[in-house]
Amino acid sequence: MKAMKAIDELKNEHHGIEIMLRILQAVAERFGRGQEVDGKDLSNILEFLSVFIDKCHHAKEEEFLFPALENVGVQREGGPIGVMLLEHEQGRRLVAKLKDALADHESGLVLRKEHAQTIIKEYVALLNEHIGKENTVLFPMAEAKLDPGKDKELFEAFEHLERERIGEGKHSEFHALLHRLQATFVVGVGTK
């Protein structure tokens, strides 16, 4: 199977997302122990979920990869693309609920902290399963069905989307944020 630059970029982003999922698990554990989490850290985590995961990563898939796969015969309805889109929407709904719960947490409502913990667990489980499906089913399918010319086109579209939607240098800022949050929340785990 040929390596594709566009798919490699999405896989690398999955690695960063998986780090954030471990950070989220640690945040949920702190909530479960009744510990506080710095509001700035919570704000940065929510920005990562909304901007890096949704506006950047999921947008690359929804606007470019999925249509490219449909053009070579991969089904949307009743197929892997439809499942991925459904899971993206589920993730968006959970992030919206988490934003509400964390806003209430900032106001000191303990009940909402427990609610945030539940939402985090559901979101982490959803995204871990989702990433597994993309890495083992969808991405190998893309590598088998898309030619090098389409790969180059996708990669360029991904780069353009990043510059336009999240801004120059923001990707690097998110990686620095991941390293900092991981050092704060996930003891004994290094990053790449």
N, C-alpha and C. Protein backbone atom coordinates (compact mmCIF):
# COMPACT_ATOMS: atom_id res chain seq x y z
N MET A 1 0.84 -1.18 0.00
CA MET A 1 0.00 0.00 0.00
C MET A 1 0.89 1.25 0.00
N LYS A 2 0.55 2.18 -0.85
CA LYS A 2 1.38 3.40 -0.95
C LYS A 2 1.07 4.37 0.18
N ALA A 3 2.11 5.06 0.62
CA ALA A 3 1.91 6.09 1.65
C ALA A 3 1.40 7.35 0.97
N MET A 4 0.42 7.97 1.56
CA MET A 4 -0.14 9.20 1.00
C MET A 4 0.11 10.34 1.98
N LYS A 5 0.63 11.43 1.47
CA LYS A 5 0.94 12.59 2.29
C LYS A 5 -0.31 13.13 3.00
N ALA A 6 -1.42 13.20 2.32
CA ALA A 6 -2.66 13.72 2.91
C ALA A 6 -3.12 12.83 4.06
N ILE A 7 -3.08 11.52 3.85
CA ILE A 7 -3.51 10.58 4.89
C ILE A 7 -2.52 10.62 6.06
N ASP A 8 -1.23 10.73 5.75
CA ASP A 8 -0.23 10.84 6.82
C ASP A 8 -0.51 12.06 7.70
N GLU A 9 -0.91 13.17 7.08
CA GLU A 9 -1.23 14.38 7.85
C GLU A 9 -2.42 14.12 8.78
N LEU A 10 -3.45 13.47 8.28
CA LEU A 10 -4.62 13.16 9.11
C LEU A 10 -4.24 12.21 10.25
N LYS A 11 -3.39 11.23 9.97
CA LYS A 11 -2.94 10.30 11.01
C LYS A 11 -2.13 11.03 12.08
N ASN A 12 -1.26 11.95 11.65
CA ASN A 12 -0.49 12.74 12.62
C ASN A 12 -1.41 13.58 13.50
N GLU A 13 -2.46 14.12 12.89
CA GLU A 13 -3.43 14.88 13.67
C GLU A 13 -4.14 13.97 14.66
N HIS A 14 -4.41 12.73 14.26
CA HIS A 14 -5.02 11.77 15.18
C HIS A 14 -4.13 11.58 16.41
N HIS A 15 -2.82 11.55 16.20
CA HIS A 15 -1.91 11.39 17.34
C HIS A 15 -2.10 12.54 18.33
N GLY A 16 -2.17 13.76 17.83
CA GLY A 16 -2.40 14.92 18.70
C GLY A 16 -3.76 14.86 19.39
N ILE A 17 -4.77 14.41 18.66
CA ILE A 17 -6.11 14.29 19.24
C ILE A 17 -6.11 13.24 20.35
N GLU A 18 -5.39 12.15 20.14
CA GLU A 18 -5.32 11.11 21.17
C GLU A 18 -4.65 11.64 22.44
N ILE A 19 -3.65 12.50 22.29
CA ILE A 19 -3.03 13.13 23.46
C ILE A 19 -4.08 13.97 24.19
N MET A 20 -4.86 14.76 23.44
CA MET A 20 -5.90 15.56 24.07
C MET A 20 -6.94 14.68 24.76
N LEU A 21 -7.25 13.54 24.20
CA LEU A 21 -8.22 12.65 24.84
C LEU A 21 -7.69 12.15 26.18
N ARG A 22 -6.38 11.88 26.26
CA ARG A 22 -5.79 11.47 27.55
C ARG A 22 -5.84 12.64 28.54
N ILE A 23 -5.61 13.85 28.04
CA ILE A 23 -5.70 15.04 28.91
C ILE A 23 -7.13 15.18 29.42
N LEU A 24 -8.10 15.01 28.54
CA LEU A 24 -9.51 15.10 28.95
C LEU A 24 -9.85 14.05 30.01
N GLN A 25 -9.34 12.83 29.84
CA GLN A 25 -9.58 11.79 30.83
C GLN A 25 -9.02 12.21 32.19
N ALA A 26 -7.83 12.81 32.18
CA ALA A 26 -7.22 13.27 33.43
C ALA A 26 -8.05 14.39 34.06
N VAL A 27 -8.61 15.27 33.23
CA VAL A 27 -9.47 16.34 33.74
C VAL A 27 -10.71 15.72 34.39
N ALA A 28 -11.31 14.74 33.72
CA ALA A 28 -12.50 14.08 34.27
C ALA A 28 -12.17 13.40 35.60
N GLU A 29 -10.99 12.80 35.69
CA GLU A 29 -10.57 12.15 36.95
C GLU A 29 -10.42 13.20 38.06
N ARG A 30 -9.86 14.35 37.72
CA ARG A 30 -9.74 15.42 38.72
C ARG A 30 -11.12 15.87 39.19
N PHE A 31 -12.04 16.04 38.24
CA PHE A 31 -13.40 16.40 38.62
C PHE A 31 -13.98 15.34 39.56
N GLY A 32 -13.73 14.07 39.23
CA GLY A 32 -14.24 12.97 40.05
C GLY A 32 -13.69 12.98 41.47
N ARG A 33 -12.48 13.48 41.63
CA ARG A 33 -11.86 13.57 42.96
C ARG A 33 -12.20 14.89 43.66
N GLY A 34 -13.03 15.70 43.00
CA GLY A 34 -13.41 16.98 43.60
C GLY A 34 -12.35 18.06 43.48
N GLN A 35 -11.35 17.82 42.64
CA GLN A 35 -10.28 18.80 42.46
C GLN A 35 -10.68 19.85 41.42
N GLU A 36 -10.10 21.01 41.55
CA GLU A 36 -10.35 22.08 40.60
C GLU A 36 -9.40 21.97 39.41
N VAL A 37 -9.82 22.54 38.31
CA VAL A 37 -8.99 22.64 37.10
C VAL A 37 -8.99 24.10 36.69
N ASP A 38 -7.82 24.61 36.40
CA ASP A 38 -7.66 26.02 36.03
C ASP A 38 -8.57 26.37 34.85
N GLY A 39 -9.30 27.48 35.00
CA GLY A 39 -10.23 27.92 33.96
C GLY A 39 -9.55 28.18 32.62
N LYS A 40 -8.33 28.68 32.64
CA LYS A 40 -7.59 28.94 31.39
C LYS A 40 -7.29 27.62 30.68
N ASP A 41 -6.94 26.59 31.45
CA ASP A 41 -6.70 25.27 30.85
C ASP A 41 -7.98 24.74 30.21
N LEU A 42 -9.10 24.89 30.93
CA LEU A 42 -10.38 24.42 30.37
C LEU A 42 -10.71 25.18 29.09
N SER A 43 -10.47 26.47 29.08
CA SER A 43 -10.72 27.29 27.90
C SER A 43 -9.85 26.84 26.73
N ASN A 44 -8.58 26.56 27.00
CA ASN A 44 -7.66 26.08 25.95
C ASN A 44 -8.08 24.72 25.42
N ILE A 45 -8.54 23.85 26.32
CA ILE A 45 -9.00 22.53 25.88
C ILE A 45 -10.22 22.67 24.97
N LEU A 46 -11.17 23.52 25.36
CA LEU A 46 -12.36 23.71 24.53
C LEU A 46 -11.99 24.31 23.17
N GLU A 47 -11.02 25.22 23.15
CA GLU A 47 -10.57 25.78 21.87
C GLU A 47 -9.98 24.68 20.99
N PHE A 48 -9.17 23.80 21.56
CA PHE A 48 -8.59 22.70 20.81
C PHE A 48 -9.69 21.82 20.22
N LEU A 49 -10.69 21.50 21.03
CA LEU A 49 -11.79 20.64 20.56
C LEU A 49 -12.55 21.30 19.42
N SER A 50 -12.83 22.58 19.55
CA SER A 50 -13.63 23.29 18.55
C SER A 50 -12.83 23.65 17.30
N VAL A 51 -11.61 24.11 17.51
CA VAL A 51 -10.83 24.62 16.37
C VAL A 51 -9.98 23.53 15.74
N PHE A 52 -9.10 22.90 16.51
CA PHE A 52 -8.20 21.90 15.92
C PHE A 52 -8.97 20.68 15.43
N ILE A 53 -9.79 20.11 16.31
CA ILE A 53 -10.48 18.88 15.92
C ILE A 53 -11.57 19.16 14.90
N ASP A 54 -12.44 20.14 15.17
CA ASP A 54 -13.61 20.32 14.30
C ASP A 54 -13.33 21.19 13.08
N LYS A 55 -12.87 22.42 13.30
CA LYS A 55 -12.69 23.34 12.17
C LYS A 55 -11.50 22.98 11.28
N CYS A 56 -10.56 22.24 11.82
CA CYS A 56 -9.38 21.86 11.03
C CYS A 56 -9.47 20.39 10.58
N HIS A 57 -9.33 19.47 11.53
CA HIS A 57 -9.26 18.05 11.18
C HIS A 57 -10.53 17.53 10.51
N HIS A 58 -11.66 17.70 11.18
CA HIS A 58 -12.91 17.19 10.60
C HIS A 58 -13.27 17.92 9.31
N ALA A 59 -12.96 19.19 9.23
CA ALA A 59 -13.24 19.93 7.98
C ALA A 59 -12.43 19.37 6.82
N LYS A 60 -11.18 19.00 7.05
CA LYS A 60 -10.36 18.40 5.99
C LYS A 60 -11.02 17.13 5.47
N GLU A 61 -11.53 16.33 6.38
CA GLU A 61 -12.19 15.09 5.98
C GLU A 61 -13.50 15.37 5.25
N GLU A 62 -14.34 16.22 5.86
CA GLU A 62 -15.68 16.45 5.31
C GLU A 62 -15.67 17.19 3.99
N GLU A 63 -14.79 18.16 3.86
CA GLU A 63 -14.80 18.99 2.65
C GLU A 63 -13.94 18.45 1.52
N PHE A 64 -12.95 17.62 1.84
CA PHE A 64 -12.03 17.18 0.80
C PHE A 64 -11.89 15.66 0.69
N LEU A 65 -11.56 14.98 1.80
CA LEU A 65 -11.33 13.53 1.72
C LEU A 65 -12.60 12.77 1.38
N PHE A 66 -13.68 13.03 2.11
CA PHE A 66 -14.90 12.27 1.89
C PHE A 66 -15.44 12.46 0.46
N PRO A 67 -15.52 13.70 -0.05
CA PRO A 67 -15.97 13.85 -1.44
C PRO A 67 -15.04 13.14 -2.44
N ALA A 68 -13.74 13.15 -2.19
CA ALA A 68 -12.80 12.45 -3.08
C ALA A 68 -13.09 10.95 -3.07
N LEU A 69 -13.39 10.42 -1.91
CA LEU A 69 -13.71 8.99 -1.82
C LEU A 69 -15.04 8.68 -2.49
N GLU A 70 -16.02 9.56 -2.33
CA GLU A 70 -17.30 9.36 -3.00
C GLU A 70 -17.12 9.35 -4.52
N ASN A 71 -16.23 10.21 -5.01
CA ASN A 71 -15.97 10.28 -6.45
C ASN A 71 -15.36 9.01 -7.02
N VAL A 72 -14.75 8.19 -6.15
CA VAL A 72 -14.19 6.92 -6.64
C VAL A 72 -15.04 5.73 -6.19
N GLY A 73 -16.29 6.01 -5.79
CA GLY A 73 -17.25 4.94 -5.54
C GLY A 73 -17.49 4.51 -4.11
N VAL A 74 -16.90 5.18 -3.15
CA VAL A 74 -17.16 4.83 -1.75
C VAL A 74 -18.50 5.46 -1.36
N GLN A 75 -19.39 4.64 -0.81
CA GLN A 75 -20.73 5.10 -0.48
C GLN A 75 -20.74 6.00 0.74
N ARG A 76 -21.60 7.01 0.66
CA ARG A 76 -21.86 7.86 1.83
C ARG A 76 -22.93 7.19 2.67
N GLU A 77 -24.13 7.10 2.13
CA GLU A 77 -25.26 6.51 2.86
C GLU A 77 -25.05 5.01 2.99
N GLY A 78 -25.12 4.52 4.21
CA GLY A 78 -24.95 3.09 4.45
C GLY A 78 -23.51 2.64 4.33
N GLY A 79 -22.59 3.57 4.18
CA GLY A 79 -21.18 3.23 4.04
C GLY A 79 -20.34 3.92 5.10
N PRO A 80 -19.02 3.76 4.99
CA PRO A 80 -18.14 4.31 6.03
C PRO A 80 -18.17 5.85 6.13
N ILE A 81 -18.40 6.53 5.03
CA ILE A 81 -18.43 7.99 5.08
C ILE A 81 -19.62 8.48 5.90
N GLY A 82 -20.77 7.86 5.70
CA GLY A 82 -21.96 8.22 6.47
C GLY A 82 -21.75 8.01 7.96
N VAL A 83 -21.09 6.92 8.31
CA VAL A 83 -20.81 6.64 9.73
C VAL A 83 -19.88 7.71 10.30
N MET A 84 -18.83 8.08 9.54
CA MET A 84 -17.88 9.09 10.02
C MET A 84 -18.58 10.45 10.21
N LEU A 85 -19.43 10.81 9.26
CA LEU A 85 -20.15 12.09 9.37
C LEU A 85 -21.08 12.10 10.58
N LEU A 86 -21.77 11.00 10.81
CA LEU A 86 -22.65 10.88 11.97
C LEU A 86 -21.84 11.05 13.26
N GLU A 87 -20.69 10.43 13.33
CA GLU A 87 -19.85 10.52 14.53
C GLU A 87 -19.27 11.93 14.71
N HIS A 88 -18.96 12.62 13.60
CA HIS A 88 -18.51 14.01 13.71
C HIS A 88 -19.61 14.86 14.36
N GLU A 89 -20.85 14.64 13.93
CA GLU A 89 -21.98 15.38 14.49
C GLU A 89 -22.19 15.05 15.96
N GLN A 90 -22.06 13.79 16.32
CA GLN A 90 -22.18 13.39 17.72
C GLN A 90 -21.11 14.11 18.55
N GLY A 91 -19.90 14.17 18.03
CA GLY A 91 -18.82 14.86 18.72
C GLY A 91 -19.12 16.34 18.91
N ARG A 92 -19.64 16.98 17.89
CA ARG A 92 -20.00 18.40 17.99
C ARG A 92 -21.04 18.65 19.08
N ARG A 93 -22.05 17.76 19.13
CA ARG A 93 -23.09 17.91 20.15
C ARG A 93 -22.50 17.74 21.55
N LEU A 94 -21.59 16.79 21.71
CA LEU A 94 -20.97 16.57 23.02
C LEU A 94 -20.09 17.76 23.42
N VAL A 95 -19.37 18.33 22.47
CA VAL A 95 -18.53 19.50 22.78
C VAL A 95 -19.42 20.68 23.19
N ALA A 96 -20.55 20.86 22.51
CA ALA A 96 -21.47 21.94 22.89
C ALA A 96 -21.99 21.72 24.32
N LYS A 97 -22.34 20.48 24.65
CA LYS A 97 -22.80 20.17 26.01
C LYS A 97 -21.68 20.40 27.02
N LEU A 98 -20.46 20.03 26.64
CA LEU A 98 -19.32 20.20 27.53
C LEU A 98 -19.05 21.68 27.79
N LYS A 99 -19.17 22.50 26.75
CA LYS A 99 -18.99 23.95 26.93
C LYS A 99 -19.99 24.49 27.95
N ASP A 100 -21.23 24.06 27.82
CA ASP A 100 -22.26 24.49 28.78
C ASP A 100 -21.94 24.02 30.19
N ALA A 101 -21.56 22.75 30.32
CA ALA A 101 -21.27 22.20 31.64
C ALA A 101 -20.06 22.88 32.26
N LEU A 102 -19.04 23.17 31.47
CA LEU A 102 -17.85 23.81 32.01
C LEU A 102 -18.10 25.28 32.34
N ALA A 103 -18.98 25.92 31.61
CA ALA A 103 -19.35 27.30 31.95
C ALA A 103 -20.02 27.30 33.32
N ASP A 104 -20.89 26.32 33.55
CA ASP A 104 -21.53 26.19 34.84
C ASP A 104 -20.52 25.81 35.92
N HIS A 105 -19.54 24.99 35.55
CA HIS A 105 -18.48 24.60 36.50
C HIS A 105 -17.74 25.83 36.98
N GLU A 106 -17.48 26.75 36.07
CA GLU A 106 -16.80 27.99 36.44
C GLU A 106 -17.63 28.76 37.45
N SER A 107 -18.94 28.61 37.40
CA SER A 107 -19.82 29.28 38.36
C SER A 107 -19.89 28.53 39.68
N GLY A 108 -19.26 27.35 39.72
CA GLY A 108 -19.19 26.59 40.96
C GLY A 108 -20.32 25.60 41.18
N LEU A 109 -21.05 25.25 40.16
CA LEU A 109 -22.14 24.29 40.33
C LEU A 109 -21.57 22.87 40.28
N VAL A 110 -21.53 22.21 41.40
CA VAL A 110 -20.92 20.88 41.51
C VAL A 110 -21.64 19.88 40.62
N LEU A 111 -22.95 19.97 40.55
CA LEU A 111 -23.72 19.05 39.72
C LEU A 111 -23.24 19.11 38.27
N ARG A 112 -22.95 20.31 37.77
CA ARG A 112 -22.50 20.45 36.39
C ARG A 112 -21.09 19.89 36.21
N LYS A 113 -20.27 19.92 37.26
CA LYS A 113 -18.94 19.32 37.17
C LYS A 113 -19.07 17.82 36.94
N GLU A 114 -20.00 17.20 37.67
CA GLU A 114 -20.25 15.77 37.47
C GLU A 114 -20.79 15.53 36.06
N HIS A 115 -21.63 16.43 35.60
CA HIS A 115 -22.17 16.34 34.24
C HIS A 115 -21.03 16.45 33.22
N ALA A 116 -20.11 17.39 33.45
CA ALA A 116 -18.95 17.54 32.56
C ALA A 116 -18.13 16.26 32.53
N GLN A 117 -17.96 15.65 33.67
CA GLN A 117 -17.19 14.40 33.74
C GLN A 117 -17.84 13.31 32.89
N THR A 118 -19.15 13.20 32.95
CA THR A 118 -19.89 12.22 32.15
C THR A 118 -19.74 12.51 30.66
N ILE A 119 -19.87 13.77 30.28
CA ILE A 119 -19.75 14.16 28.88
C ILE A 119 -18.35 13.86 28.37
N ILE A 120 -17.34 14.18 29.16
CA ILE A 120 -15.95 13.91 28.76
C ILE A 120 -15.75 12.43 28.50
N LYS A 121 -16.24 11.59 29.38
CA LYS A 121 -16.08 10.14 29.20
C LYS A 121 -16.74 9.68 27.90
N GLU A 122 -17.93 10.20 27.62
CA GLU A 122 -18.64 9.83 26.40
C GLU A 122 -17.88 10.32 25.16
N TYR A 123 -17.38 11.55 25.22
CA TYR A 123 -16.64 12.13 24.10
C TYR A 123 -15.34 11.36 23.84
N VAL A 124 -14.61 11.05 24.89
CA VAL A 124 -13.35 10.32 24.75
C VAL A 124 -13.61 8.94 24.13
N ALA A 125 -14.63 8.25 24.60
CA ALA A 125 -14.95 6.93 24.04
C ALA A 125 -15.34 7.05 22.57
N LEU A 126 -16.17 8.04 22.24
CA LEU A 126 -16.58 8.25 20.85
C LEU A 126 -15.38 8.50 19.95
N LEU A 127 -14.51 9.42 20.34
CA LEU A 127 -13.39 9.77 19.47
C LEU A 127 -12.35 8.67 19.38
N ASN A 128 -12.10 7.95 20.46
CA ASN A 128 -11.16 6.83 20.38
C ASN A 128 -11.65 5.77 19.39
N GLU A 129 -12.93 5.47 19.46
CA GLU A 129 -13.52 4.49 18.53
C GLU A 129 -13.49 5.03 17.09
N HIS A 130 -13.83 6.30 16.95
CA HIS A 130 -13.85 6.95 15.64
C HIS A 130 -12.46 6.93 14.99
N ILE A 131 -11.45 7.30 15.74
CA ILE A 131 -10.08 7.30 15.22
C ILE A 131 -9.67 5.90 14.81
N GLY A 132 -10.05 4.91 15.61
CA GLY A 132 -9.74 3.52 15.25
C GLY A 132 -10.34 3.12 13.92
N LYS A 133 -11.59 3.51 13.69
CA LYS A 133 -12.26 3.19 12.42
C LYS A 133 -11.56 3.88 11.25
N GLU A 134 -11.23 5.17 11.44
CA GLU A 134 -10.57 5.88 10.34
C GLU A 134 -9.20 5.29 10.04
N ASN A 135 -8.44 5.01 11.08
CA ASN A 135 -7.09 4.49 10.87
C ASN A 135 -7.07 3.09 10.25
N THR A 136 -8.05 2.26 10.61
CA THR A 136 -8.01 0.87 10.15
C THR A 136 -8.91 0.58 8.94
N VAL A 137 -9.91 1.41 8.69
CA VAL A 137 -10.84 1.16 7.58
C VAL A 137 -10.76 2.28 6.53
N LEU A 138 -11.07 3.49 6.94
CA LEU A 138 -11.21 4.58 5.97
C LEU A 138 -9.89 4.99 5.32
N PHE A 139 -8.85 5.17 6.12
CA PHE A 139 -7.58 5.62 5.55
C PHE A 139 -6.94 4.57 4.64
N PRO A 140 -6.94 3.28 5.01
CA PRO A 140 -6.43 2.29 4.06
C PRO A 140 -7.25 2.26 2.76
N MET A 141 -8.55 2.49 2.88
CA MET A 141 -9.41 2.55 1.69
C MET A 141 -8.98 3.73 0.81
N ALA A 142 -8.71 4.87 1.42
CA ALA A 142 -8.27 6.05 0.67
C ALA A 142 -6.93 5.78 -0.01
N GLU A 143 -6.02 5.15 0.69
CA GLU A 143 -4.71 4.87 0.12
C GLU A 143 -4.81 3.89 -1.06
N ALA A 144 -5.79 3.00 -1.00
CA ALA A 144 -5.97 2.02 -2.08
C ALA A 144 -6.68 2.63 -3.29
N LYS A 145 -7.57 3.58 -3.07
CA LYS A 145 -8.43 4.07 -4.15
C LYS A 145 -8.00 5.41 -4.76
N LEU A 146 -7.23 6.21 -4.03
CA LEU A 146 -6.87 7.54 -4.53
C LEU A 146 -5.47 7.52 -5.14
N ASP A 147 -5.33 8.18 -6.27
CA ASP A 147 -4.03 8.19 -6.95
C ASP A 147 -3.13 9.32 -6.43
N PRO A 148 -1.83 9.28 -6.80
CA PRO A 148 -0.89 10.30 -6.31
C PRO A 148 -1.30 11.74 -6.66
N GLY A 149 -1.92 11.94 -7.79
CA GLY A 149 -2.37 13.28 -8.17
C GLY A 149 -3.44 13.79 -7.23
N LYS A 150 -4.37 12.92 -6.86
CA LYS A 150 -5.43 13.30 -5.91
C LYS A 150 -4.83 13.52 -4.53
N ASP A 151 -3.84 12.73 -4.16
CA ASP A 151 -3.16 12.91 -2.88
C ASP A 151 -2.54 14.31 -2.80
N LYS A 152 -1.85 14.71 -3.84
CA LYS A 152 -1.21 16.03 -3.88
C LYS A 152 -2.28 17.13 -3.77
N GLU A 153 -3.36 16.95 -4.51
CA GLU A 153 -4.47 17.93 -4.47
C GLU A 153 -5.07 18.03 -3.07
N LEU A 154 -5.29 16.88 -2.42
CA LEU A 154 -5.85 16.87 -1.07
C LEU A 154 -4.90 17.54 -0.08
N PHE A 155 -3.61 17.20 -0.18
CA PHE A 155 -2.63 17.77 0.74
C PHE A 155 -2.60 19.29 0.62
N GLU A 156 -2.61 19.79 -0.60
CA GLU A 156 -2.60 21.24 -0.83
C GLU A 156 -3.89 21.88 -0.29
N ALA A 157 -5.01 21.21 -0.48
CA ALA A 157 -6.28 21.71 0.03
C ALA A 157 -6.26 21.75 1.57
N PHE A 158 -5.68 20.73 2.18
CA PHE A 158 -5.56 20.69 3.64
C PHE A 158 -4.74 21.87 4.15
N GLU A 159 -3.61 22.13 3.47
CA GLU A 159 -2.73 23.23 3.90
C GLU A 159 -3.45 24.58 3.76
N HIS A 160 -4.17 24.74 2.66
CA HIS A 160 -4.91 25.98 2.43
C HIS A 160 -5.99 26.17 3.51
N LEU A 161 -6.72 25.10 3.80
CA LEU A 161 -7.77 25.17 4.82
C LEU A 161 -7.18 25.61 6.16
N GLU A 162 -6.05 25.02 6.54
CA GLU A 162 -5.41 25.39 7.81
C GLU A 162 -5.06 26.87 7.85
N ARG A 163 -4.46 27.36 6.79
CA ARG A 163 -4.08 28.79 6.75
C ARG A 163 -5.31 29.68 6.84
N GLU A 164 -6.36 29.33 6.11
CA GLU A 164 -7.55 30.17 6.04
C GLU A 164 -8.42 30.08 7.29
N ARG A 165 -8.58 28.89 7.85
CA ARG A 165 -9.53 28.69 8.95
C ARG A 165 -8.94 28.89 10.33
N ILE A 166 -7.69 28.44 10.52
CA ILE A 166 -7.15 28.55 11.88
C ILE A 166 -5.97 29.51 11.95
N GLY A 167 -5.41 29.85 10.80
CA GLY A 167 -4.35 30.87 10.78
C GLY A 167 -2.95 30.29 10.77
N GLU A 168 -2.06 31.07 10.23
CA GLU A 168 -0.65 30.70 10.12
C GLU A 168 -0.07 30.50 11.52
N GLY A 169 0.59 29.37 11.72
CA GLY A 169 1.27 29.10 12.98
C GLY A 169 0.39 28.54 14.09
N LYS A 170 -0.92 28.53 13.90
CA LYS A 170 -1.83 28.07 14.96
C LYS A 170 -1.67 26.56 15.22
N HIS A 171 -1.39 25.80 14.18
CA HIS A 171 -1.18 24.37 14.32
C HIS A 171 -0.03 24.12 15.31
N SER A 172 1.06 24.86 15.15
CA SER A 172 2.22 24.73 16.05
C SER A 172 1.85 25.15 17.47
N GLU A 173 1.05 26.20 17.58
CA GLU A 173 0.60 26.63 18.91
C GLU A 173 -0.21 25.54 19.60
N PHE A 174 -1.04 24.85 18.82
CA PHE A 174 -1.83 23.76 19.41
C PHE A 174 -0.92 22.63 19.89
N HIS A 175 0.13 22.34 19.13
CA HIS A 175 1.05 21.28 19.57
C HIS A 175 1.78 21.69 20.85
N ALA A 176 2.17 22.94 20.95
CA ALA A 176 2.80 23.44 22.18
C ALA A 176 1.82 23.34 23.35
N LEU A 177 0.56 23.67 23.10
CA LEU A 177 -0.47 23.55 24.12
C LEU A 177 -0.61 22.10 24.57
N LEU A 178 -0.62 21.17 23.62
CA LEU A 178 -0.72 19.75 23.97
C LEU A 178 0.42 19.34 24.90
N HIS A 179 1.64 19.75 24.57
CA HIS A 179 2.80 19.39 25.40
C HIS A 179 2.63 19.95 26.81
N ARG A 180 2.21 21.21 26.91
CA ARG A 180 2.05 21.85 28.22
C ARG A 180 0.95 21.17 29.03
N LEU A 181 -0.20 20.95 28.40
CA LEU A 181 -1.32 20.32 29.11
C LEU A 181 -1.00 18.88 29.49
N GLN A 182 -0.28 18.20 28.62
CA GLN A 182 0.08 16.82 28.94
C GLN A 182 1.00 16.78 30.15
N ALA A 183 1.95 17.70 30.21
CA ALA A 183 2.86 17.77 31.36
C ALA A 183 2.09 18.10 32.64
N THR A 184 1.03 18.90 32.51
CA THR A 184 0.23 19.29 33.67
C THR A 184 -0.71 18.18 34.14
N PHE A 185 -1.34 17.50 33.20
CA PHE A 185 -2.42 16.58 33.56
C PHE A 185 -2.08 15.10 33.48
N VAL A 186 -1.19 14.71 32.60
CA VAL A 186 -0.93 13.30 32.36
C VAL A 186 0.48 12.99 32.84
N VAL A 187 0.61 12.62 34.09
CA VAL A 187 1.91 12.40 34.71
C VAL A 187 2.57 11.14 34.13
N GLY A 188 3.85 11.28 33.84
CA GLY A 188 4.64 10.13 33.40
C GLY A 188 4.47 9.72 31.97
N VAL A 189 3.84 10.57 31.15
CA VAL A 189 3.65 10.24 29.74
C VAL A 189 4.35 11.30 28.91
N GLY A 190 5.22 10.86 28.02
CA GLY A 190 5.92 11.80 27.13
C GLY A 190 5.17 12.00 25.84
N THR A 191 5.54 13.05 25.13
CA THR A 191 4.94 13.29 23.82
C THR A 191 5.99 13.14 22.76
N LYS A 192 5.53 12.97 21.54
CA LYS A 192 6.44 12.89 20.40
C LYS A 192 6.94 14.25 20.06
